[in-house]
Amino acid sequence: MTIDIATISHEMFAPHLGQTFRFVAPEDGSVITDVELTKLTARPECTPRWAKRTSFSALFETYGTSQLWNGYFQIDHPTMGLLGPFYIVRVIPRDPERGCFELILN
């Protein structure tokens, strides 16, 4: 199943909050790291009038420390499938023992 990136929504991710996703290398499909979806935030104030969805951000955290940095990754989930690639940035973690990454779709 292929999902149009322009239609990926906050509502699609919401049932999977707290679940494990994988960051995958778009070049060869290798798994980079497992991450937990820890926070979703709808951003209607950032949504263009012509958009097919409401803008949102998703926070993913590694299960331990990580040296991973910003980059283009695909996101894989057992029921959502493979999504992306997306440019995902490392942000200040809520827990210093975990790497924290943010995906923004607007």
Protein backbone atom coordinates (compact mmCIF):
# COMPACT_ATOMS: atom_id res chain seq x y z
CA MET A 1 0.00 0.00 0.00
CA THR A 2 1.32 3.42 -0.97
CA ILE A 3 0.10 6.47 0.90
CA ASP A 4 0.23 9.94 -0.66
CA ILE A 5 2.47 12.02 1.64
CA ALA A 6 0.13 15.00 1.16
CA THR A 7 -2.70 13.07 2.84
CA ILE A 8 -0.81 11.63 5.82
CA SER A 9 -2.59 12.98 8.87
CA HIS A 10 -2.38 13.32 12.63
CA GLU A 11 -5.36 10.95 12.82
CA MET A 12 -3.46 8.20 10.99
CA PHE A 13 -0.68 8.26 13.61
CA ALA A 14 -2.87 8.76 16.71
CA PRO A 15 -3.85 5.08 17.23
CA HIS A 16 -0.14 4.18 17.21
CA LEU A 17 1.01 6.56 19.96
CA GLY A 18 3.38 4.64 22.26
CA GLN A 19 4.11 2.00 19.62
CA THR A 20 7.38 1.05 17.95
CA PHE A 21 8.30 2.37 14.51
CA ARG A 22 11.54 1.92 12.59
CA PHE A 23 13.67 4.47 10.80
CA VAL A 24 14.76 2.87 7.55
CA ALA A 25 17.45 3.93 5.06
CA PRO A 26 15.71 4.95 1.82
CA GLU A 27 18.75 3.91 -0.23
CA ASP A 28 18.76 0.22 0.65
CA GLY A 29 15.88 -0.44 3.07
CA SER A 30 18.15 -1.30 5.99
CA VAL A 31 16.84 -0.63 9.49
CA ILE A 32 18.63 2.28 11.14
CA THR A 33 16.98 2.23 14.56
CA ASP A 34 13.77 1.38 16.40
CA VAL A 35 11.90 4.36 17.84
CA GLU A 36 8.78 4.94 19.90
CA LEU A 37 6.13 7.43 18.80
CA THR A 38 5.87 9.48 22.00
CA LYS A 39 3.96 12.64 21.09
CA LEU A 40 1.67 14.02 18.38
CA THR A 41 0.76 17.69 18.09
CA ALA A 42 -1.79 19.10 15.64
CA ARG A 43 -0.68 22.47 14.23
CA PRO A 44 -3.75 24.03 12.59
CA GLU A 45 -2.16 27.49 12.83
CA CYS A 46 0.58 26.32 10.42
CA THR A 47 -1.77 24.76 7.87
CA PRO A 48 -1.99 26.41 4.44
CA ARG A 49 -5.53 27.02 3.16
CA TRP A 50 -4.97 24.70 0.20
CA ALA A 51 -3.60 21.78 2.27
CA LYS A 52 -5.24 18.35 2.18
CA ARG A 53 -4.60 17.87 5.90
CA THR A 54 -3.97 19.77 9.12
CA SER A 55 -0.27 20.30 9.80
CA PHE A 56 1.17 18.25 12.65
CA SER A 57 4.38 17.14 14.30
CA ALA A 58 5.34 13.70 15.57
CA LEU A 59 8.05 13.01 18.15
CA PHE A 60 9.92 9.71 18.03
CA GLU A 61 12.36 8.61 20.73
CA THR A 62 14.99 5.89 20.62
CA TYR A 63 14.94 3.24 23.33
CA GLY A 64 18.40 4.26 24.51
CA THR A 65 21.12 6.76 23.71
CA SER A 66 21.74 7.41 20.03
CA GLN A 67 24.37 9.03 17.85
CA LEU A 68 21.90 9.39 14.98
CA TRP A 69 21.43 12.91 13.64
CA ASN A 70 19.20 14.73 11.12
CA GLY A 71 18.53 12.97 7.86
CA TYR A 72 16.21 11.50 5.26
CA PHE A 73 14.54 8.38 6.62
CA GLN A 74 11.59 6.24 5.78
CA ILE A 75 9.33 5.31 8.68
CA ASP A 76 8.09 1.74 8.95
CA HIS A 77 5.26 0.43 11.13
CA PRO A 78 3.68 -3.07 11.15
CA THR A 79 0.19 -1.83 10.22
CA MET A 80 0.87 1.54 8.55
CA GLY A 81 3.61 0.16 6.33
CA LEU A 82 6.57 2.03 4.90
CA LEU A 83 6.16 5.82 4.66
CA GLY A 84 8.39 8.53 3.26
CA PRO A 85 11.21 9.34 2.91
CA PHE A 86 10.97 12.34 5.21
CA TYR A 87 13.57 14.79 6.48
CA ILE A 88 13.58 14.15 10.23
CA VAL A 89 15.48 16.35 12.69
CA ARG A 90 17.01 15.57 16.04
CA VAL A 91 15.61 17.79 18.79
CA ILE A 92 16.30 18.34 22.48
CA PRO A 93 15.12 15.18 24.24
CA ARG A 94 12.68 15.12 27.11
CA ASP A 95 14.78 12.28 28.56
CA PRO A 96 18.57 12.67 28.21
CA GLU A 97 18.93 8.88 27.97
CA ARG A 98 16.98 8.78 24.70
CA GLY A 99 17.51 10.30 21.25
CA CYS A 100 14.53 12.45 20.21
CA PHE A 101 13.50 13.13 16.61
CA GLU A 102 10.74 15.28 15.12
CA LEU A 103 8.81 14.85 11.91
CA ILE A 104 6.87 17.94 10.80
CA LEU A 105 4.26 17.68 8.08
CA ASN A 106 2.69 20.96 6.98
